[in-house]
Amino acid sequence: QVQLVESGGGLVQAGGSLRLSCAASAHTFSSYNMAWFRQAPGKEREFGAAISWTGGSTYYVDSVKGRFTISRDNAKNAVYLQMIDLKPEDTAVYYCAAGEGYRCSGYGCYFERDTYKYWGQGTQVTVSL
């Protein structure tokens, strides 16, 4: 069982920055692919960014490329999402997710919700004009 706890959300003006953190309880954290998904009011939960269990590969949805950066620190059992140049359309609840590394080795699976077995409770990000 893996427990994930997100932090770092809040209210920010358009053009501002936030850094989300996700603390994981897994003893074998370094063997998990990690991702950030987000869900805006009235919309489906969507993929945002992912990082492979090795940390060597990262993936982003087109709408955040160049503005969001996902990273991980296996020594701290943590994954981060640095967000800059935030836009009102980035407003959503952001969820941290973890999936065993062996479940995904190809490009496409990193974007799929089913790849990730464990989910956090989410942290709210609100971007105002």
N, C-alpha and C. Protein backbone atom coordinates (compact mmCIF):
# COMPACT_ATOMS: atom_id res chain seq x y z
N GLN A 1 0.84 -1.18 0.00
CA GLN A 1 0.00 0.00 0.00
C GLN A 1 0.88 1.24 0.00
N VAL A 2 0.52 2.21 -0.83
CA VAL A 2 1.26 3.46 -0.93
C VAL A 2 0.32 4.60 -0.57
N GLN A 3 0.77 5.43 0.34
CA GLN A 3 0.00 6.63 0.68
C GLN A 3 0.69 7.85 0.10
N LEU A 4 -0.11 8.72 -0.49
CA LEU A 4 0.41 9.91 -1.13
C LEU A 4 -0.26 11.14 -0.53
N VAL A 5 0.54 12.14 -0.18
CA VAL A 5 0.00 13.37 0.41
C VAL A 5 0.55 14.56 -0.36
N GLU A 6 -0.37 15.29 -0.98
CA GLU A 6 0.01 16.47 -1.74
C GLU A 6 0.01 17.72 -0.86
N SER A 7 0.82 18.69 -1.25
CA SER A 7 0.84 19.98 -0.58
C SER A 7 1.34 21.03 -1.56
N GLY A 8 1.15 22.29 -1.20
CA GLY A 8 1.69 23.37 -2.01
C GLY A 8 0.68 24.11 -2.85
N GLY A 9 -0.56 23.65 -2.85
CA GLY A 9 -1.57 24.35 -3.63
C GLY A 9 -1.93 25.69 -3.00
N GLY A 10 -2.72 26.46 -3.72
CA GLY A 10 -3.13 27.75 -3.19
C GLY A 10 -3.70 28.65 -4.26
N LEU A 11 -3.86 29.92 -3.90
CA LEU A 11 -4.40 30.92 -4.81
C LEU A 11 -3.24 31.77 -5.32
N VAL A 12 -3.18 31.93 -6.63
CA VAL A 12 -2.11 32.71 -7.24
C VAL A 12 -2.68 33.50 -8.41
N GLN A 13 -2.07 34.63 -8.70
CA GLN A 13 -2.51 35.43 -9.84
C GLN A 13 -1.94 34.85 -11.13
N ALA A 14 -2.62 35.12 -12.21
CA ALA A 14 -2.14 34.69 -13.52
C ALA A 14 -0.72 35.19 -13.74
N GLY A 15 0.12 34.32 -14.26
CA GLY A 15 1.52 34.64 -14.46
C GLY A 15 2.41 34.25 -13.29
N GLY A 16 1.79 33.87 -12.20
CA GLY A 16 2.54 33.48 -11.01
C GLY A 16 3.02 32.04 -11.05
N SER A 17 3.61 31.63 -9.94
CA SER A 17 4.22 30.29 -9.85
C SER A 17 3.79 29.59 -8.57
N LEU A 18 3.79 28.27 -8.64
CA LEU A 18 3.57 27.43 -7.47
C LEU A 18 4.41 26.18 -7.62
N ARG A 19 4.75 25.60 -6.49
CA ARG A 19 5.45 24.32 -6.50
C ARG A 19 4.66 23.32 -5.65
N LEU A 20 4.16 22.30 -6.30
CA LEU A 20 3.44 21.25 -5.60
C LEU A 20 4.41 20.15 -5.16
N SER A 21 4.12 19.59 -4.01
CA SER A 21 4.92 18.47 -3.51
C SER A 21 4.01 17.29 -3.22
N CYS A 22 4.57 16.11 -3.35
CA CYS A 22 3.84 14.89 -3.03
C CYS A 22 4.78 13.99 -2.23
N ALA A 23 4.38 13.70 -1.00
CA ALA A 23 5.16 12.82 -0.14
C ALA A 23 4.57 11.42 -0.20
N ALA A 24 5.43 10.43 -0.44
CA ALA A 24 4.97 9.05 -0.58
C ALA A 24 5.47 8.19 0.56
N SER A 25 4.65 7.22 0.94
CA SER A 25 5.00 6.35 2.06
C SER A 25 5.69 5.07 1.62
N ALA A 26 5.77 4.82 0.34
CA ALA A 26 6.28 3.55 -0.16
C ALA A 26 7.74 3.33 0.19
N HIS A 27 8.06 2.11 0.67
CA HIS A 27 9.46 1.78 0.96
C HIS A 27 10.26 1.62 -0.32
N THR A 28 9.55 1.30 -1.41
CA THR A 28 10.22 1.11 -2.69
C THR A 28 9.80 2.20 -3.66
N PHE A 29 9.79 3.42 -3.16
CA PHE A 29 9.34 4.57 -3.96
C PHE A 29 10.08 4.64 -5.29
N SER A 30 11.34 4.32 -5.30
CA SER A 30 12.14 4.46 -6.51
C SER A 30 11.72 3.51 -7.62
N SER A 31 10.84 2.56 -7.32
CA SER A 31 10.38 1.62 -8.33
C SER A 31 9.03 2.02 -8.93
N TYR A 32 8.52 3.19 -8.53
CA TYR A 32 7.21 3.65 -8.99
C TYR A 32 7.33 4.76 -10.02
N ASN A 33 6.55 4.64 -11.08
CA ASN A 33 6.31 5.78 -11.95
C ASN A 33 5.39 6.73 -11.22
N MET A 34 5.61 8.03 -11.36
CA MET A 34 4.83 9.03 -10.65
C MET A 34 4.21 10.01 -11.64
N ALA A 35 3.07 10.54 -11.27
CA ALA A 35 2.39 11.46 -12.18
C ALA A 35 1.58 12.49 -11.40
N TRP A 36 1.26 13.56 -12.08
CA TRP A 36 0.31 14.56 -11.61
C TRP A 36 -0.85 14.60 -12.61
N PHE A 37 -2.04 14.45 -12.08
CA PHE A 37 -3.26 14.65 -12.84
C PHE A 37 -3.98 15.85 -12.26
N ARG A 38 -4.93 16.39 -13.02
CA ARG A 38 -5.70 17.49 -12.49
C ARG A 38 -7.16 17.39 -12.94
N GLN A 39 -8.01 17.96 -12.11
CA GLN A 39 -9.44 17.92 -12.42
C GLN A 39 -10.06 19.28 -12.14
N ALA A 40 -10.53 19.91 -13.21
CA ALA A 40 -11.20 21.20 -13.11
C ALA A 40 -12.68 20.96 -12.82
N PRO A 41 -13.36 21.96 -12.26
CA PRO A 41 -14.79 21.80 -11.95
C PRO A 41 -15.59 21.41 -13.19
N GLY A 42 -16.38 20.34 -13.07
CA GLY A 42 -17.23 19.90 -14.15
C GLY A 42 -16.53 19.18 -15.27
N LYS A 43 -15.26 18.88 -15.07
CA LYS A 43 -14.50 18.21 -16.13
C LYS A 43 -13.92 16.89 -15.64
N GLU A 44 -13.50 16.08 -16.61
CA GLU A 44 -12.85 14.82 -16.30
C GLU A 44 -11.45 15.07 -15.73
N ARG A 45 -10.98 14.12 -14.93
CA ARG A 45 -9.60 14.20 -14.47
C ARG A 45 -8.69 13.95 -15.66
N GLU A 46 -7.71 14.82 -15.82
CA GLU A 46 -6.83 14.71 -16.98
C GLU A 46 -5.37 14.61 -16.58
N PHE A 47 -4.61 13.99 -17.45
CA PHE A 47 -3.18 13.87 -17.24
C PHE A 47 -2.49 15.21 -17.32
N GLY A 48 -1.49 15.43 -16.45
CA GLY A 48 -0.72 16.65 -16.49
C GLY A 48 0.74 16.39 -16.81
N ALA A 49 1.37 15.56 -15.97
CA ALA A 49 2.80 15.29 -16.15
C ALA A 49 3.14 13.96 -15.48
N ALA A 50 4.19 13.32 -15.97
CA ALA A 50 4.64 12.06 -15.38
C ALA A 50 6.15 11.97 -15.44
N ILE A 51 6.69 11.16 -14.54
CA ILE A 51 8.12 10.91 -14.52
C ILE A 51 8.33 9.42 -14.29
N SER A 52 9.24 8.84 -15.05
CA SER A 52 9.48 7.42 -14.93
C SER A 52 10.14 7.07 -13.61
N TRP A 53 10.11 5.77 -13.26
CA TRP A 53 10.67 5.35 -11.98
C TRP A 53 12.17 5.63 -11.91
N THR A 54 12.83 5.65 -13.06
CA THR A 54 14.26 5.96 -13.08
C THR A 54 14.52 7.46 -12.98
N GLY A 55 13.48 8.24 -13.25
CA GLY A 55 13.68 9.69 -13.32
C GLY A 55 14.25 10.15 -14.64
N GLY A 56 14.50 9.21 -15.53
CA GLY A 56 15.16 9.56 -16.78
C GLY A 56 14.24 10.06 -17.87
N SER A 57 12.93 9.84 -17.69
CA SER A 57 11.98 10.27 -18.71
C SER A 57 10.84 11.05 -18.07
N THR A 58 10.46 12.12 -18.73
CA THR A 58 9.33 12.92 -18.28
C THR A 58 8.35 13.13 -19.43
N TYR A 59 7.10 13.33 -19.08
CA TYR A 59 6.03 13.45 -20.06
C TYR A 59 5.09 14.54 -19.62
N TYR A 60 4.57 15.29 -20.59
CA TYR A 60 3.68 16.40 -20.28
C TYR A 60 2.53 16.46 -21.27
N VAL A 61 1.39 16.91 -20.78
CA VAL A 61 0.30 17.24 -21.70
C VAL A 61 0.70 18.52 -22.42
N ASP A 62 0.28 18.66 -23.66
CA ASP A 62 0.73 19.78 -24.48
C ASP A 62 0.46 21.14 -23.82
N SER A 63 -0.64 21.27 -23.12
CA SER A 63 -1.04 22.57 -22.57
C SER A 63 -0.11 23.08 -21.46
N VAL A 64 0.73 22.21 -20.91
CA VAL A 64 1.63 22.66 -19.83
C VAL A 64 3.10 22.60 -20.23
N LYS A 65 3.40 22.11 -21.39
CA LYS A 65 4.79 22.02 -21.83
C LYS A 65 5.44 23.39 -21.83
N GLY A 66 6.64 23.45 -21.28
CA GLY A 66 7.35 24.71 -21.20
C GLY A 66 7.02 25.54 -19.98
N ARG A 67 5.95 25.14 -19.25
CA ARG A 67 5.55 25.89 -18.06
C ARG A 67 5.64 25.03 -16.79
N PHE A 68 5.42 23.74 -16.91
CA PHE A 68 5.46 22.83 -15.76
C PHE A 68 6.68 21.92 -15.86
N THR A 69 7.26 21.62 -14.71
CA THR A 69 8.38 20.69 -14.65
C THR A 69 8.15 19.69 -13.52
N ILE A 70 8.17 18.42 -13.87
CA ILE A 70 8.02 17.37 -12.86
C ILE A 70 9.41 16.84 -12.50
N SER A 71 9.62 16.57 -11.23
CA SER A 71 10.89 16.03 -10.78
C SER A 71 10.64 15.12 -9.58
N ARG A 72 11.65 14.36 -9.23
CA ARG A 72 11.51 13.46 -8.08
C ARG A 72 12.81 13.42 -7.29
N ASP A 73 12.67 13.12 -6.01
CA ASP A 73 13.81 12.95 -5.13
C ASP A 73 13.59 11.62 -4.41
N ASN A 74 14.22 10.58 -4.90
CA ASN A 74 13.98 9.25 -4.34
C ASN A 74 14.49 9.13 -2.90
N ALA A 75 15.48 9.91 -2.54
CA ALA A 75 16.00 9.88 -1.17
C ALA A 75 14.96 10.42 -0.18
N LYS A 76 14.09 11.29 -0.67
CA LYS A 76 13.06 11.90 0.18
C LYS A 76 11.68 11.32 -0.06
N ASN A 77 11.59 10.34 -0.96
CA ASN A 77 10.29 9.77 -1.31
C ASN A 77 9.31 10.86 -1.73
N ALA A 78 9.74 11.71 -2.62
CA ALA A 78 8.92 12.85 -2.99
C ALA A 78 8.96 13.11 -4.49
N VAL A 79 7.88 13.66 -4.97
CA VAL A 79 7.79 14.11 -6.35
C VAL A 79 7.24 15.53 -6.33
N TYR A 80 7.69 16.33 -7.28
CA TYR A 80 7.35 17.74 -7.29
C TYR A 80 6.79 18.16 -8.65
N LEU A 81 6.02 19.23 -8.63
CA LEU A 81 5.56 19.84 -9.87
C LEU A 81 5.77 21.33 -9.75
N GLN A 82 6.78 21.82 -10.45
CA GLN A 82 7.03 23.26 -10.50
C GLN A 82 6.21 23.85 -11.61
N MET A 83 5.40 24.84 -11.28
CA MET A 83 4.50 25.46 -12.26
C MET A 83 4.80 26.94 -12.34
N ILE A 84 5.07 27.42 -13.54
CA ILE A 84 5.31 28.83 -13.77
C ILE A 84 4.32 29.35 -14.81
N ASP A 85 4.24 30.67 -14.91
CA ASP A 85 3.36 31.30 -15.88
C ASP A 85 1.96 30.69 -15.83
N LEU A 86 1.42 30.60 -14.64
CA LEU A 86 0.12 29.96 -14.46
C LEU A 86 -0.99 30.76 -15.12
N LYS A 87 -1.98 30.03 -15.60
CA LYS A 87 -3.10 30.62 -16.31
C LYS A 87 -4.41 30.24 -15.60
N PRO A 88 -5.45 31.03 -15.76
CA PRO A 88 -6.73 30.67 -15.13
C PRO A 88 -7.20 29.27 -15.50
N GLU A 89 -6.89 28.82 -16.69
CA GLU A 89 -7.31 27.47 -17.10
C GLU A 89 -6.52 26.36 -16.41
N ASP A 90 -5.51 26.72 -15.63
CA ASP A 90 -4.79 25.73 -14.83
C ASP A 90 -5.50 25.47 -13.50
N THR A 91 -6.54 26.24 -13.23
CA THR A 91 -7.29 26.06 -11.99
C THR A 91 -7.90 24.67 -11.94
N ALA A 92 -7.59 23.93 -10.88
CA ALA A 92 -8.04 22.55 -10.76
C ALA A 92 -7.58 21.99 -9.41
N VAL A 93 -8.09 20.83 -9.10
CA VAL A 93 -7.52 20.03 -8.01
C VAL A 93 -6.44 19.17 -8.64
N TYR A 94 -5.25 19.22 -8.06
CA TYR A 94 -4.12 18.47 -8.59
C TYR A 94 -3.89 17.23 -7.73
N TYR A 95 -3.80 16.08 -8.40
CA TYR A 95 -3.64 14.80 -7.74
C TYR A 95 -2.30 14.17 -8.08
N CYS A 96 -1.65 13.67 -7.07
CA CYS A 96 -0.44 12.89 -7.23
C CYS A 96 -0.84 11.42 -7.40
N ALA A 97 -0.13 10.71 -8.28
CA ALA A 97 -0.46 9.31 -8.53
C ALA A 97 0.81 8.49 -8.66
N ALA A 98 0.72 7.22 -8.25
CA ALA A 98 1.87 6.32 -8.30
C ALA A 98 1.47 4.99 -8.93
N GLY A 99 2.35 4.46 -9.75
CA GLY A 99 2.10 3.17 -10.37
C GLY A 99 3.39 2.38 -10.43
N GLU A 100 3.29 1.06 -10.20
CA GLU A 100 4.49 0.23 -10.24
C GLU A 100 5.20 0.36 -11.59
N GLY A 101 6.48 0.46 -11.56
CA GLY A 101 7.25 0.68 -12.77
C GLY A 101 7.04 -0.38 -13.84
N TYR A 102 6.86 -1.65 -13.42
CA TYR A 102 6.74 -2.72 -14.39
C TYR A 102 5.44 -2.65 -15.18
N ARG A 103 4.46 -1.88 -14.69
CA ARG A 103 3.17 -1.78 -15.36
C ARG A 103 3.21 -0.86 -16.58
N CYS A 104 4.29 -0.13 -16.72
CA CYS A 104 4.34 0.82 -17.83
C CYS A 104 5.76 0.96 -18.31
N SER A 105 5.99 0.56 -19.53
CA SER A 105 7.34 0.71 -20.09
C SER A 105 7.32 1.40 -21.44
N GLY A 106 6.13 1.65 -21.94
CA GLY A 106 6.02 2.30 -23.24
C GLY A 106 5.56 3.73 -23.08
N TYR A 107 5.67 4.50 -24.13
CA TYR A 107 5.37 5.92 -24.10
C TYR A 107 3.92 6.19 -23.69
N GLY A 108 2.98 5.55 -24.33
CA GLY A 108 1.57 5.89 -24.17
C GLY A 108 1.01 5.66 -22.79
N CYS A 109 1.49 4.63 -22.11
CA CYS A 109 0.88 4.26 -20.85
C CYS A 109 1.08 5.30 -19.76
N TYR A 110 2.08 6.12 -19.86
CA TYR A 110 2.29 7.14 -18.84
C TYR A 110 1.14 8.13 -18.76
N PHE A 111 0.38 8.28 -19.83
CA PHE A 111 -0.69 9.25 -19.90
C PHE A 111 -2.03 8.69 -19.39
N GLU A 112 -2.06 7.39 -19.10
CA GLU A 112 -3.32 6.72 -18.80
C GLU A 112 -3.56 6.62 -17.30
N ARG A 113 -4.79 6.91 -16.88
CA ARG A 113 -5.13 6.82 -15.47
C ARG A 113 -4.94 5.42 -14.92
N ASP A 114 -5.25 4.41 -15.71
CA ASP A 114 -5.16 3.02 -15.24
C ASP A 114 -3.74 2.58 -14.94
N THR A 115 -2.75 3.32 -15.41
CA THR A 115 -1.36 2.99 -15.12
C THR A 115 -1.03 3.19 -13.64
N TYR A 116 -1.82 4.04 -12.99
CA TYR A 116 -1.51 4.46 -11.63
C TYR A 116 -2.51 3.86 -10.65
N LYS A 117 -1.97 3.11 -9.71
CA LYS A 117 -2.82 2.38 -8.76
C LYS A 117 -3.14 3.20 -7.52
N TYR A 118 -2.24 4.08 -7.15
CA TYR A 118 -2.40 4.84 -5.89
C TYR A 118 -2.56 6.32 -6.18
N TRP A 119 -3.45 6.95 -5.41
CA TRP A 119 -3.77 8.35 -5.62
C TRP A 119 -3.81 9.10 -4.29
N GLY A 120 -3.39 10.36 -4.33
CA GLY A 120 -3.54 11.21 -3.18
C GLY A 120 -4.91 11.85 -3.13
N GLN A 121 -5.13 12.67 -2.12
CA GLN A 121 -6.43 13.32 -1.93
C GLN A 121 -6.57 14.60 -2.74
N GLY A 122 -5.47 15.12 -3.23
CA GLY A 122 -5.52 16.30 -4.08
C GLY A 122 -5.24 17.59 -3.33
N THR A 123 -4.77 18.57 -4.08
CA THR A 123 -4.54 19.90 -3.54
C THR A 123 -5.08 20.92 -4.55
N GLN A 124 -5.78 21.92 -4.03
CA GLN A 124 -6.45 22.89 -4.92
C GLN A 124 -5.46 23.95 -5.39
N VAL A 125 -5.50 24.20 -6.68
CA VAL A 125 -4.76 25.31 -7.29
C VAL A 125 -5.77 26.22 -7.96
N THR A 126 -5.76 27.48 -7.57
CA THR A 126 -6.67 28.46 -8.15
C THR A 126 -5.86 29.61 -8.70
N VAL A 127 -6.07 29.89 -9.98
CA VAL A 127 -5.35 30.97 -10.66
C VAL A 127 -6.35 32.05 -11.03
N SER A 128 -6.14 33.23 -10.49
CA SER A 128 -7.05 34.34 -10.75
C SER A 128 -6.48 35.28 -11.80
N LEU A 129 -7.37 36.03 -12.41
CA LEU A 129 -6.93 36.99 -13.43
C LEU A 129 -6.22 38.18 -12.79
